[in-house]
Amino acid sequence: MSLKSSVMKLPPKRWGPPQDESAPLIVKIKTVQGRLYKAHVSRDTPGHKLEGYCKPETDRVVGCRLICRGLDIDPEKTLKEQNIDKNTTVYRIRLYGNYVPEPCDPRSPPIETLEVLCENGQSILISAHPDDSIDALQKRIANEWNMLLGYSCRFFYNGVALGEAPYSHLHTLGDYGIPDKGSIILFQVKGSTSRDYKETLFKITN
């Protein structure tokens, strides 16, 4: 599969007066499929309060995982401490039950195609194999998709971060039981010396 990509142009920096920490604040909470919630909070609101603004769509949704700039929101720290303001987008990953990774049923077709959902709403199909490691997949995407310099990426499947605690001992797609044509979610994470975070815009054409 041939992939083409281009790097987005960064908008000019915005300058303004200091924020009033006690003033009302509207935080946008989105899913990668585009559903939008608006949380009316303040900068002193703790992170765990944001979940209360996301109504489960069905009885199957038992909770959510909130991501900002590619990292998990700390439930105890305030939005101010996490640098979340009116210009920040928080992303919501729905949790369907208590998923525990386990290898796919050997009688099932092995994974050959993987769907990657990006935070900007793109959905891209790539070739994959059960023995593909999470680390190799991250490097492959960084190289083929022209990821911004100094950024890394995280993958999520059923709300679980691949290759991270408490499942850091699982190293391959097959270890997580991801089926053929299964979907994972990708978020970019800014490195310590990289330019400011911007929403993922790979602009890939197949």
Foldseek 3Di string as FASTA:
>chain_A
DAKDWDDDDDDDDDDDDDDDQPDWFWAWEAELQGDIWIDTDGQQQFPLVVQVRDDDPDPQFPGKFKDWQQHTGDRGGGNVVVVGGNVTYIYIDTAGPDADFAFADPVADFAQWEWERFSNNDIDIDGFGQAAWPVNVFVVCCVRLVDAPQKTKWKADNRDTPCDPPVVVDTGNRRRHAHHHRYIYMGIHHHPPGPDDDGDDSPMDD
